């Protein structure tokens, strides 16, 4: 029984490591392919959307990902600790095949 618990812990650790590796790989691929919003899983492979959003907000600099729910957790406190006092911000949400979000010129905090 003790060995089984140890194997389950190791399996969970390996899943976490593989998940982190996949995320890193996705970030690298999205930066190379879709440099408008590097690291965005939502806009990965959607370069036209990223370019369109950037044209709407009039930004010429590359965006920096400050929070991702699947990476950083879904708690609002985590969102605010990562994103407060940063401006402007673009928030993207994907539900099924629908992508929506918002733009704020002022910081969240």
PDB file of N, CA and C in Angstrom:
ATOM      1  N   UNK A   1       0.823  -1.195   0.000  1.00  0.00           N
ATOM      2  CA  UNK A   1       0.000   0.000   0.000  1.00  0.00           C
ATOM      3  C   UNK A   1       0.868   1.259   0.000  1.00  0.00           C
ATOM      4  N   UNK A   2       1.962   1.235   0.752  1.00  0.00           N
ATOM      5  CA  UNK A   2       2.860   2.375   0.824  1.00  0.00           C
ATOM      6  C   UNK A   2       3.501   2.644  -0.544  1.00  0.00           C
ATOM      7  N   UNK A   3       3.865   1.591  -1.243  1.00  0.00           N
ATOM      8  CA  UNK A   3       4.469   1.725  -2.570  1.00  0.00           C
ATOM      9  C   UNK A   3       3.457   2.322  -3.542  1.00  0.00           C
ATOM     10  N   UNK A   4       2.221   1.890  -3.441  1.00  0.00           N
ATOM     11  CA  UNK A   4       1.170   2.404  -4.322  1.00  0.00           C
ATOM     12  C   UNK A   4       0.968   3.912  -4.119  1.00  0.00           C
ATOM     13  N   UNK A   5       0.963   4.356  -2.865  1.00  0.00           N
ATOM     14  CA  UNK A   5       0.834   5.789  -2.587  1.00  0.00           C
ATOM     15  C   UNK A   5       2.019   6.573  -3.147  1.00  0.00           C
ATOM     16  N   UNK A   6       3.209   6.007  -3.009  1.00  0.00           N
ATOM     17  CA  UNK A   6       4.405   6.658  -3.545  1.00  0.00           C
ATOM     18  C   UNK A   6       4.318   6.768  -5.064  1.00  0.00           C
ATOM     19  N   UNK A   7       3.855   5.708  -5.717  1.00  0.00           N
ATOM     20  CA  UNK A   7       3.702   5.732  -7.171  1.00  0.00           C
ATOM     21  C   UNK A   7       2.663   6.767  -7.602  1.00  0.00           C
ATOM     22  N   UNK A   8       1.589   6.887  -6.859  1.00  0.00           N
ATOM     23  CA  UNK A   8       0.569   7.886  -7.172  1.00  0.00           C
ATOM     24  C   UNK A   8       1.128   9.306  -7.037  1.00  0.00           C
ATOM     25  N   UNK A   9       1.925   9.545  -5.993  1.00  0.00           N
ATOM     26  CA  UNK A   9       2.555  10.863  -5.821  1.00  0.00           C
ATOM     27  C   UNK A   9       3.503  11.163  -6.975  1.00  0.00           C
ATOM     28  N   UNK A  10       4.303  10.169  -7.349  1.00  0.00           N
ATOM     29  CA  UNK A  10       5.246  10.356  -8.451  1.00  0.00           C
ATOM     30  C   UNK A  10       4.509  10.578  -9.773  1.00  0.00           C
ATOM     31  N   UNK A  11       3.402   9.879  -9.956  1.00  0.00           N
ATOM     32  CA  UNK A  11       2.594  10.066 -11.162  1.00  0.00           C
ATOM     33  C   UNK A  11       2.056  11.500 -11.218  1.00  0.00           C
ATOM     34  N   UNK A  12       1.571  12.009 -10.097  1.00  0.00           N
ATOM     35  CA  UNK A  12       1.057  13.378 -10.039  1.00  0.00           C
ATOM     36  C   UNK A  12       2.173  14.387 -10.323  1.00  0.00           C
ATOM     37  N   UNK A  13       3.362  14.142  -9.777  1.00  0.00           N
ATOM     38  CA  UNK A  13       4.499  15.029 -10.032  1.00  0.00           C
ATOM     39  C   UNK A  13       4.877  15.022 -11.510  1.00  0.00           C
ATOM     40  N   UNK A  14       4.878  13.848 -12.118  1.00  0.00           N
ATOM     41  CA  UNK A  14       5.204  13.746 -13.542  1.00  0.00           C
ATOM     42  C   UNK A  14       4.166  14.463 -14.399  1.00  0.00           C
ATOM     43  N   UNK A  15       2.891  14.336 -14.034  1.00  0.00           N
ATOM     44  CA  UNK A  15       1.841  15.053 -14.770  1.00  0.00           C
ATOM     45  C   UNK A  15       2.077  16.555 -14.707  1.00  0.00           C
ATOM     46  N   UNK A  16       2.457  17.050 -13.532  1.00  0.00           N
ATOM     47  CA  UNK A  16       2.732  18.478 -13.365  1.00  0.00           C
ATOM     48  C   UNK A  16       3.928  18.894 -14.218  1.00  0.00           C
ATOM     49  N   UNK A  17       4.979  18.100 -14.207  1.00  0.00           N
ATOM     50  CA  UNK A  17       6.173  18.404 -15.004  1.00  0.00           C
ATOM     51  C   UNK A  17       5.837  18.422 -16.490  1.00  0.00           C
ATOM     52  N   UNK A  18       5.087  17.430 -16.940  1.00  0.00           N
ATOM     53  CA  UNK A  18       4.700  17.367 -18.354  1.00  0.00           C
ATOM     54  C   UNK A  18       3.821  18.557 -18.716  1.00  0.00           C
ATOM     55  N   UNK A  19       2.893  18.917 -17.838  1.00  0.00           N
ATOM     56  CA  UNK A  19       2.047  20.085 -18.077  1.00  0.00           C
ATOM     57  C   UNK A  19       2.870  21.360 -18.204  1.00  0.00           C
ATOM     58  N   UNK A  20       3.860  21.522 -17.317  1.00  0.00           N
ATOM     59  CA  UNK A  20       4.729  22.697 -17.384  1.00  0.00           C
ATOM     60  C   UNK A  20       5.541  22.712 -18.673  1.00  0.00           C
ATOM     61  N   UNK A  21       6.026  21.546 -19.085  1.00  0.00           N
ATOM     62  CA  UNK A  21       6.796  21.461 -20.327  1.00  0.00           C
ATOM     63  C   UNK A  21       5.916  21.805 -21.525  1.00  0.00           C
ATOM     64  N   UNK A  22       4.692  21.301 -21.541  1.00  0.00           N
ATOM     65  CA  UNK A  22       3.766  21.613 -22.636  1.00  0.00           C
ATOM     66  C   UNK A  22       3.473  23.107 -22.695  1.00  0.00           C
ATOM     67  N   UNK A  23       3.273  23.713 -21.534  1.00  0.00           N
ATOM     68  CA  UNK A  23       2.990  25.148 -21.500  1.00  0.00           C
ATOM     69  C   UNK A  23       4.186  25.947 -22.008  1.00  0.00           C
ATOM     70  N   UNK A  24       5.384  25.568 -21.575  1.00  0.00           N
ATOM     71  CA  UNK A  24       6.591  26.249 -22.044  1.00  0.00           C
ATOM     72  C   UNK A  24       6.736  26.119 -23.545  1.00  0.00           C
ATOM     73  N   UNK A  25       6.510  24.925 -24.054  1.00  0.00           N
ATOM     74  CA  UNK A  25       6.595  24.705 -25.497  1.00  0.00           C
ATOM     75  C   UNK A  25       5.554  25.542 -26.236  1.00  0.00           C
ATOM     76  N   UNK A  26       4.332  25.566 -25.739  1.00  0.00           N
ATOM     77  CA  UNK A  26       3.284  26.387 -26.363  1.00  0.00           C
ATOM     78  C   UNK A  26       3.656  27.866 -26.354  1.00  0.00           C
ATOM     79  N   UNK A  27       4.240  28.325 -25.239  1.00  0.00           N
ATOM     80  CA  UNK A  27       4.667  29.726 -25.169  1.00  0.00           C
ATOM     81  C   UNK A  27       5.731  30.028 -26.214  1.00  0.00           C
ATOM     82  N   UNK A  28       6.688  29.140 -26.342  1.00  0.00           N
ATOM     83  CA  UNK A  28       7.753  29.347 -27.325  1.00  0.00           C
ATOM     84  C   UNK A  28       7.201  29.336 -28.739  1.00  0.00           C
ATOM     85  N   UNK A  29       6.315  28.396 -29.013  1.00  0.00           N
ATOM     86  CA  UNK A  29       5.738  28.314 -30.354  1.00  0.00           C
ATOM     87  C   UNK A  29       4.874  29.526 -30.659  1.00  0.00           C
ATOM     88  N   UNK A  30       4.087  29.972 -29.679  1.00  0.00           N
ATOM     89  CA  UNK A  30       3.217  31.112 -29.938  1.00  0.00           C
ATOM     90  C   UNK A  30       4.019  32.394 -30.082  1.00  0.00           C
ATOM     91  N   UNK A  31       5.132  32.502 -29.382  1.00  0.00           N
ATOM     92  CA  UNK A  31       5.956  33.695 -29.522  1.00  0.00           C
ATOM     93  C   UNK A  31       6.556  33.766 -30.919  1.00  0.00           C
ATOM     94  N   UNK A  32       6.991  32.625 -31.412  1.00  0.00           N
ATOM     95  CA  UNK A  32       7.587  32.600 -32.738  1.00  0.00           C
ATOM     96  C   UNK A  32       6.571  32.816 -33.837  1.00  0.00           C
ATOM     97  N   UNK A  33       5.374  32.286 -33.671  1.00  0.00           N
ATOM     98  CA  UNK A  33       4.370  32.350 -34.726  1.00  0.00           C
ATOM     99  C   UNK A  33       3.460  33.564 -34.592  1.00  0.00           C
ATOM    100  N   UNK A  34       3.026  33.825 -33.395  1.00  0.00           N
ATOM    101  CA  UNK A  34       2.059  34.902 -33.156  1.00  0.00           C
ATOM    102  C   UNK A  34       2.626  35.865 -32.124  1.00  0.00           C
ATOM    103  N   UNK A  35       3.612  36.641 -32.521  1.00  0.00           N
ATOM    104  CA  UNK A  35       4.315  37.517 -31.594  1.00  0.00           C
ATOM    105  C   UNK A  35       3.505  38.684 -31.074  1.00  0.00           C
ATOM    106  N   UNK A  36       2.270  38.872 -31.533  1.00  0.00           N
ATOM    107  CA  UNK A  36       1.447  39.993 -31.089  1.00  0.00           C
ATOM    108  C   UNK A  36       1.077  39.826 -29.616  1.00  0.00           C
ATOM    109  N   UNK A  37       0.617  38.650 -29.246  1.00  0.00           N
ATOM    110  CA  UNK A  37       0.286  38.328 -27.862  1.00  0.00           C
ATOM    111  C   UNK A  37       1.030  37.049 -27.482  1.00  0.00           C
ATOM    112  N   UNK A  38       2.341  37.136 -27.249  1.00  0.00           N
ATOM    113  CA  UNK A  38       3.126  35.932 -26.976  1.00  0.00           C
ATOM    114  C   UNK A  38       2.658  35.236 -25.704  1.00  0.00           C
ATOM    115  N   UNK A  39       2.584  33.938 -25.763  1.00  0.00           N
ATOM    116  CA  UNK A  39       2.173  33.149 -24.617  1.00  0.00           C
ATOM    117  C   UNK A  39       0.682  32.930 -24.509  1.00  0.00           C
ATOM    118  N   UNK A  40      -0.110  33.556 -25.357  1.00  0.00           N
ATOM    119  CA  UNK A  40      -1.560  33.403 -25.286  1.00  0.00           C
ATOM    120  C   UNK A  40      -1.984  32.069 -25.884  1.00  0.00           C
ATOM    121  N   UNK A  41      -2.575  31.229 -25.052  1.00  0.00           N
ATOM    122  CA  UNK A  41      -3.147  29.985 -25.571  1.00  0.00           C
ATOM    123  C   UNK A  41      -4.425  30.270 -26.348  1.00  0.00           C
ATOM    124  N   UNK A  42      -5.144  31.296 -25.953  1.00  0.00           N
ATOM    125  CA  UNK A  42      -6.411  31.629 -26.599  1.00  0.00           C
ATOM    126  C   UNK A  42      -6.183  32.089 -28.034  1.00  0.00           C
ATOM    127  N   UNK A  43      -5.139  32.886 -28.247  1.00  0.00           N
ATOM    128  CA  UNK A  43      -4.875  33.413 -29.586  1.00  0.00           C
ATOM    129  C   UNK A  43      -3.842  32.600 -30.356  1.00  0.00           C
ATOM    130  N   UNK A  44      -3.397  31.476 -29.782  1.00  0.00           N
ATOM    131  CA  UNK A  44      -2.410  30.646 -30.471  1.00  0.00           C
ATOM    132  C   UNK A  44      -2.979  30.185 -31.808  1.00  0.00           C
ATOM    133  N   UNK A  45      -2.267  30.492 -32.870  1.00  0.00           N
ATOM    134  CA  UNK A  45      -2.721  30.123 -34.205  1.00  0.00           C
ATOM    135  C   UNK A  45      -3.760  31.069 -34.779  1.00  0.00           C
ATOM    136  N   UNK A  46      -4.095  32.111 -34.026  1.00  0.00           N
ATOM    137  CA  UNK A  46      -5.107  33.088 -34.456  1.00  0.00           C
ATOM    138  C   UNK A  46      -4.440  34.449 -34.669  1.00  0.00           C
ATOM    139  N   UNK A  47      -3.405  34.481 -35.484  1.00  0.00           N
ATOM    140  CA  UNK A  47      -2.623  35.705 -35.675  1.00  0.00           C
ATOM    141  C   UNK A  47      -3.500  36.873 -36.131  1.00  0.00           C
ATOM    142  N   UNK A  48      -4.479  36.601 -36.989  1.00  0.00           N
ATOM    143  CA  UNK A  48      -5.357  37.676 -37.472  1.00  0.00           C
ATOM    144  C   UNK A  48      -6.129  38.325 -36.331  1.00  0.00           C
ATOM    145  N   UNK A  49      -6.591  37.507 -35.364  1.00  0.00           N
ATOM    146  CA  UNK A  49      -7.312  38.065 -34.215  1.00  0.00           C
ATOM    147  C   UNK A  49      -6.389  38.965 -33.397  1.00  0.00           C
ATOM    148  N   UNK A  50      -5.184  38.475 -33.142  1.00  0.00           N
ATOM    149  CA  UNK A  50      -4.225  39.261 -32.368  1.00  0.00           C
ATOM    150  C   UNK A  50      -3.899  40.579 -33.037  1.00  0.00           C
ATOM    151  N   UNK A  51      -3.703  40.539 -34.341  1.00  0.00           N
ATOM    152  CA  UNK A  51      -3.416  41.757 -35.099  1.00  0.00           C
ATOM    153  C   UNK A  51      -4.604  42.711 -35.065  1.00  0.00           C
ATOM    154  N   UNK A  52      -5.812  42.173 -35.180  1.00  0.00           N
ATOM    155  CA  UNK A  52      -7.020  42.995 -35.132  1.00  0.00           C
ATOM    156  C   UNK A  52      -7.168  43.675 -33.771  1.00  0.00           C
ATOM    157  N   UNK A  53      -6.997  42.915 -32.705  1.00  0.00           N
ATOM    158  CA  UNK A  53      -7.102  43.482 -31.356  1.00  0.00           C
ATOM    159  C   UNK A  53      -6.063  44.580 -31.174  1.00  0.00           C
ATOM    160  N   UNK A  54      -4.851  44.305 -31.599  1.00  0.00           N
ATOM    161  CA  UNK A  54      -3.793  45.297 -31.458  1.00  0.00           C
ATOM    162  C   UNK A  54      -4.123  46.569 -32.241  1.00  0.00           C
ATOM    163  N   UNK A  55      -4.750  46.430 -33.408  1.00  0.00           N
ATOM    164  CA  UNK A  55      -5.121  47.620 -34.190  1.00  0.00           C
ATOM    165  C   UNK A  55      -6.219  48.417 -33.484  1.00  0.00           C
ATOM    166  N   UNK A  56      -7.120  47.734 -32.790  1.00  0.00           N
ATOM    167  CA  UNK A  56      -8.184  48.420 -32.061  1.00  0.00           C
ATOM    168  C   UNK A  56      -7.631  49.264 -30.920  1.00  0.00           C
ATOM    169  N   UNK A  57      -6.654  48.701 -30.202  1.00  0.00           N
ATOM    170  CA  UNK A  57      -6.148  49.396 -29.018  1.00  0.00           C
ATOM    171  C   UNK A  57      -4.980  50.316 -29.339  1.00  0.00           C
ATOM    172  N   UNK A  58      -4.462  50.228 -30.554  1.00  0.00           N
ATOM    173  CA  UNK A  58      -3.417  51.141 -30.978  1.00  0.00           C
ATOM    174  C   UNK A  58      -2.076  50.942 -30.305  1.00  0.00           C
ATOM    175  N   UNK A  59      -1.785  49.738 -29.892  1.00  0.00           N
ATOM    176  CA  UNK A  59      -0.505  49.460 -29.232  1.00  0.00           C
ATOM    177  C   UNK A  59       0.511  48.996 -30.261  1.00  0.00           C
ATOM    178  N   UNK A  60       1.734  49.459 -30.096  1.00  0.00           N
ATOM    179  CA  UNK A  60       2.797  49.035 -31.002  1.00  0.00           C
ATOM    180  C   UNK A  60       3.816  48.145 -30.309  1.00  0.00           C
ATOM    181  N   UNK A  61       3.711  48.009 -28.998  1.00  0.00           N
ATOM    182  CA  UNK A  61       4.642  47.154 -28.269  1.00  0.00           C
ATOM    183  C   UNK A  61       4.063  45.752 -28.131  1.00  0.00           C
ATOM    184  N   UNK A  62       4.925  44.799 -27.855  1.00  0.00           N
ATOM    185  CA  UNK A  62       4.491  43.421 -27.654  1.00  0.00           C
ATOM    186  C   UNK A  62       3.888  43.276 -26.264  1.00  0.00           C
ATOM    187  N   UNK A  63       2.774  42.585 -26.181  1.00  0.00           N
ATOM    188  CA  UNK A  63       2.098  42.359 -24.901  1.00  0.00           C
ATOM    189  C   UNK A  63       2.905  41.378 -24.053  1.00  0.00           C
ATOM    190  N   UNK A  64       2.703  41.457 -22.741  1.00  0.00           N
ATOM    191  CA  UNK A  64       3.355  40.540 -21.806  1.00  0.00           C
ATOM    192  C   UNK A  64       2.268  39.853 -20.988  1.00  0.00           C
ATOM    193  N   UNK A  65       2.282  38.526 -21.000  1.00  0.00           N
ATOM    194  CA  UNK A  65       1.287  37.754 -20.263  1.00  0.00           C
ATOM    195  C   UNK A  65       1.549  37.884 -18.764  1.00  0.00           C
ATOM    196  N   UNK A  66       0.568  38.402 -18.020  1.00  0.00           N
ATOM    197  CA  UNK A  66       0.756  38.534 -16.568  1.00  0.00           C
ATOM    198  C   UNK A  66      -0.027  37.474 -15.791  1.00  0.00           C
ATOM    199  N   UNK A  67      -1.032  36.857 -16.398  1.00  0.00           N
ATOM    200  CA  UNK A  67      -1.833  35.862 -15.679  1.00  0.00           C
ATOM    201  C   UNK A  67      -2.501  34.926 -16.663  1.00  0.00           C
ATOM    202  N   UNK A  68      -2.513  33.669 -16.308  1.00  0.00           N
ATOM    203  CA  UNK A  68      -3.255  32.653 -17.062  1.00  0.00           C
ATOM    204  C   UNK A  68      -3.896  31.740 -16.030  1.00  0.00           C
ATOM    205  N   UNK A  69      -5.206  31.624 -16.076  1.00  0.00           N
ATOM    206  CA  UNK A  69      -5.933  30.842 -15.074  1.00  0.00           C
ATOM    207  C   UNK A  69      -5.445  29.404 -15.013  1.00  0.00           C
ATOM    208  N   UNK A  70      -5.188  28.790 -16.156  1.00  0.00           N
ATOM    209  CA  UNK A  70      -4.763  27.390 -16.160  1.00  0.00           C
ATOM    210  C   UNK A  70      -3.356  27.220 -15.606  1.00  0.00           C
ATOM    211  N   UNK A  71      -2.580  28.276 -15.578  1.00  0.00           N
ATOM    212  CA  UNK A  71      -1.226  28.217 -15.038  1.00  0.00           C
ATOM    213  C   UNK A  71      -1.180  28.742 -13.605  1.00  0.00           C
ATOM    214  N   UNK A  72      -1.847  29.882 -13.363  1.00  0.00           N
ATOM    215  CA  UNK A  72      -1.718  30.600 -12.101  1.00  0.00           C
ATOM    216  C   UNK A  72      -2.849  30.338 -11.121  1.00  0.00           C
ATOM    217  N   UNK A  73      -3.912  29.693 -11.578  1.00  0.00           N
ATOM    218  CA  UNK A  73      -5.050  29.416 -10.716  1.00  0.00           C
ATOM    219  C   UNK A  73      -6.196  30.367 -11.002  1.00  0.00           C
ATOM    220  N   UNK A  74      -7.374  29.968 -10.564  1.00  0.00           N
ATOM    221  CA  UNK A  74      -8.597  30.708 -10.878  1.00  0.00           C
ATOM    222  C   UNK A  74      -8.970  31.731  -9.813  1.00  0.00           C
ATOM    223  N   UNK A  75      -8.231  31.787  -8.726  1.00  0.00           N
ATOM    224  CA  UNK A  75      -8.574  32.706  -7.631  1.00  0.00           C
ATOM    225  C   UNK A  75      -8.384  34.155  -8.059  1.00  0.00           C
ATOM    226  N   UNK A  76      -9.357  34.992  -7.724  1.00  0.00           N
ATOM    227  CA  UNK A  76      -9.246  36.412  -8.081  1.00  0.00           C
ATOM    228  C   UNK A  76      -8.047  37.061  -7.395  1.00  0.00           C
ATOM    229  N   UNK A  77      -7.702  36.568  -6.205  1.00  0.00           N
ATOM    230  CA  UNK A  77      -6.545  37.133  -5.497  1.00  0.00           C
ATOM    231  C   UNK A  77      -5.256  36.905  -6.284  1.00  0.00           C
ATOM    232  N   UNK A  78      -5.147  35.762  -6.942  1.00  0.00           N
ATOM    233  CA  UNK A  78      -3.969  35.482  -7.766  1.00  0.00           C
ATOM    234  C   UNK A  78      -3.950  36.397  -8.981  1.00  0.00           C
ATOM    235  N   UNK A  79      -5.110  36.554  -9.604  1.00  0.00           N
ATOM    236  CA  UNK A  79      -5.204  37.480 -10.737  1.00  0.00           C
ATOM    237  C   UNK A  79      -4.719  38.869 -10.322  1.00  0.00           C
ATOM    238  N   UNK A  80      -5.234  39.366  -9.196  1.00  0.00           N
ATOM    239  CA  UNK A  80      -4.888  40.720  -8.771  1.00  0.00           C
ATOM    240  C   UNK A  80      -3.431  40.835  -8.337  1.00  0.00           C
ATOM    241  N   UNK A  81      -2.883  39.803  -7.706  1.00  0.00           N
ATOM    242  CA  UNK A  81      -1.469  39.890  -7.318  1.00  0.00           C
ATOM    243  C   UNK A  81      -0.562  39.920  -8.546  1.00  0.00           C
ATOM    244  N   UNK A  82      -0.994  39.304  -9.633  1.00  0.00           N
ATOM    245  CA  UNK A  82      -0.188  39.290 -10.858  1.00  0.00           C
ATOM    246  C   UNK A  82      -0.443  40.493 -11.759  1.00  0.00           C
ATOM    247  N   UNK A  83      -1.652  41.042 -11.738  1.00  0.00           N
ATOM    248  CA  UNK A  83      -2.038  42.048 -12.738  1.00  0.00           C
ATOM    249  C   UNK A  83      -2.290  43.446 -12.190  1.00  0.00           C
ATOM    250  N   UNK A  84      -2.456  43.588 -10.877  1.00  0.00           N
ATOM    251  CA  UNK A  84      -2.669  44.926 -10.325  1.00  0.00           C
ATOM    252  C   UNK A  84      -1.465  45.816 -10.623  1.00  0.00           C
ATOM    253  N   UNK A  85      -1.736  47.084 -10.788  1.00  0.00           N
ATOM    254  CA  UNK A  85      -0.716  48.106 -11.054  1.00  0.00           C
ATOM    255  C   UNK A  85      -0.012  47.931 -12.395  1.00  0.00           C
ATOM    256  N   UNK A  86      -0.642  47.211 -13.297  1.00  0.00           N
ATOM    257  CA  UNK A  86      -0.148  47.092 -14.668  1.00  0.00           C
ATOM    258  C   UNK A  86      -1.205  47.706 -15.576  1.00  0.00           C
ATOM    259  N   UNK A  87      -0.769  48.512 -16.504  1.00  0.00           N
ATOM    260  CA  UNK A  87      -1.714  49.105 -17.442  1.00  0.00           C
ATOM    261  C   UNK A  87      -0.997  49.418 -18.729  1.00  0.00           C
ATOM    262  N   UNK A  88      -1.689  49.435 -19.798  1.00  0.00           N
ATOM    263  CA  UNK A  88      -3.055  48.956 -20.021  1.00  0.00           C
ATOM    264  C   UNK A  88      -3.085  47.431 -20.025  1.00  0.00           C
ATOM    265  N   UNK A  89      -4.270  46.856 -19.933  1.00  0.00           N
ATOM    266  CA  UNK A  89      -4.404  45.397 -19.959  1.00  0.00           C
ATOM    267  C   UNK A  89      -5.458  44.964 -20.966  1.00  0.00           C
ATOM    268  N   UNK A  90      -5.206  43.805 -21.539  1.00  0.00           N
ATOM    269  CA  UNK A  90      -6.168  43.126 -22.406  1.00  0.00           C
ATOM    270  C   UNK A  90      -6.529  41.837 -21.698  1.00  0.00           C
ATOM    271  N   UNK A  91      -7.806  41.586 -21.509  1.00  0.00           N
ATOM    272  CA  UNK A  91      -8.278  40.358 -20.883  1.00  0.00           C
ATOM    273  C   UNK A  91      -9.001  39.541 -21.943  1.00  0.00           C
ATOM    274  N   UNK A  92      -8.562  38.291 -22.110  1.00  0.00           N
ATOM    275  CA  UNK A  92      -9.167  37.398 -23.098  1.00  0.00           C
ATOM    276  C   UNK A  92      -9.747  36.185 -22.401  1.00  0.00           C
ATOM    277  N   UNK A  93     -10.931  35.788 -22.814  1.00  0.00           N
ATOM    278  CA  UNK A  93     -11.618  34.622 -22.259  1.00  0.00           C
ATOM    279  C   UNK A  93     -12.092  33.778 -23.431  1.00  0.00           C
ATOM    280  N   UNK A  94     -11.954  32.472 -23.287  1.00  0.00           N
ATOM    281  CA  UNK A  94     -12.453  31.570 -24.328  1.00  0.00           C
ATOM    282  C   UNK A  94     -13.379  30.558 -23.684  1.00  0.00           C
ATOM    283  N   UNK A  95     -14.587  30.472 -24.216  1.00  0.00           N
ATOM    284  CA  UNK A  95     -15.571  29.486 -23.778  1.00  0.00           C
ATOM    285  C   UNK A  95     -16.009  28.745 -25.030  1.00  0.00           C
ATOM    286  N   UNK A  96     -15.660  27.475 -25.100  1.00  0.00           N
ATOM    287  CA  UNK A  96     -15.945  26.713 -26.310  1.00  0.00           C
ATOM    288  C   UNK A  96     -15.186  27.314 -27.474  1.00  0.00           C
ATOM    289  N   UNK A  97     -15.887  27.673 -28.521  1.00  0.00           N
ATOM    290  CA  UNK A  97     -15.233  28.289 -29.679  1.00  0.00           C
ATOM    291  C   UNK A  97     -15.352  29.814 -29.664  1.00  0.00           C
ATOM    292  N   UNK A  98     -15.932  30.366 -28.598  1.00  0.00           N
ATOM    293  CA  UNK A  98     -16.139  31.810 -28.505  1.00  0.00           C
ATOM    294  C   UNK A  98     -14.990  32.473 -27.745  1.00  0.00           C
ATOM    295  N   UNK A  99     -14.460  33.554 -28.314  1.00  0.00           N
ATOM    296  CA  UNK A  99     -13.408  34.337 -27.679  1.00  0.00           C
ATOM    297  C   UNK A  99     -13.965  35.735 -27.429  1.00  0.00           C
ATOM    298  N   UNK A 100     -13.846  36.201 -26.189  1.00  0.00           N
ATOM    299  CA  UNK A 100     -14.288  37.556 -25.863  1.00  0.00           C
ATOM    300  C   UNK A 100     -13.369  38.126 -24.803  1.00  0.00           C
ATOM    301  N   UNK A 101     -13.560  39.374 -24.456  1.00  0.00           N
ATOM    302  CA  UNK A 101     -12.697  39.976 -23.454  1.00  0.00           C
ATOM    303  C   UNK A 101     -12.890  41.465 -23.358  1.00  0.00           C
ATOM    304  N   UNK A 102     -11.872  42.136 -22.852  1.00  0.00           N
ATOM    305  CA  UNK A 102     -11.961  43.571 -22.670  1.00  0.00           C
ATOM    306  C   UNK A 102     -10.595  44.219 -22.640  1.00  0.00           C
ATOM    307  N   UNK A 103     -10.609  45.538 -22.678  1.00  0.00           N
ATOM    308  CA  UNK A 103      -9.392  46.340 -22.658  1.00  0.00           C
ATOM    309  C   UNK A 103      -9.560  47.420 -21.605  1.00  0.00           C
ATOM    310  N   UNK A 104      -8.555  47.597 -20.774  1.00  0.00           N
ATOM    311  CA  UNK A 104      -8.601  48.629 -19.738  1.00  0.00           C
ATOM    312  C   UNK A 104      -7.344  49.491 -19.824  1.00  0.00           C
ATOM    313  N   UNK A 105      -7.537  50.798 -19.877  1.00  0.00           N
ATOM    314  CA  UNK A 105      -6.390  51.705 -19.912  1.00  0.00           C
ATOM    315  C   UNK A 105      -5.822  51.939 -18.517  1.00  0.00           C
ATOM    316  N   UNK A 106      -6.652  51.746 -17.496  1.00  0.00           N
ATOM    317  CA  UNK A 106      -6.210  51.920 -16.111  1.00  0.00           C
ATOM    318  C   UNK A 106      -5.902  50.568 -15.486  1.00  0.00           C
ATOM    319  N   UNK A 107      -5.066  50.586 -14.452  1.00  0.00           N
ATOM    320  CA  UNK A 107      -4.689  49.327 -13.799  1.00  0.00           C
ATOM    321  C   UNK A 107      -5.844  48.779 -12.965  1.00  0.00           C
ATOM    322  N   UNK A 108      -5.761  47.495 -12.666  1.00  0.00           N
ATOM    323  CA  UNK A 108      -6.806  46.821 -11.901  1.00  0.00           C
ATOM    324  C   UNK A 108      -6.765  47.209 -10.431  1.00  0.00           C
ATOM    325  N   UNK A 109      -5.611  47.565  -9.923  1.00  0.00           N
ATOM    326  CA  UNK A 109      -5.465  47.762  -8.482  1.00  0.00           C
ATOM    327  C   UNK A 109      -5.654  49.105  -7.999  1.00  0.00           C
TER     328      UNK A 109
END
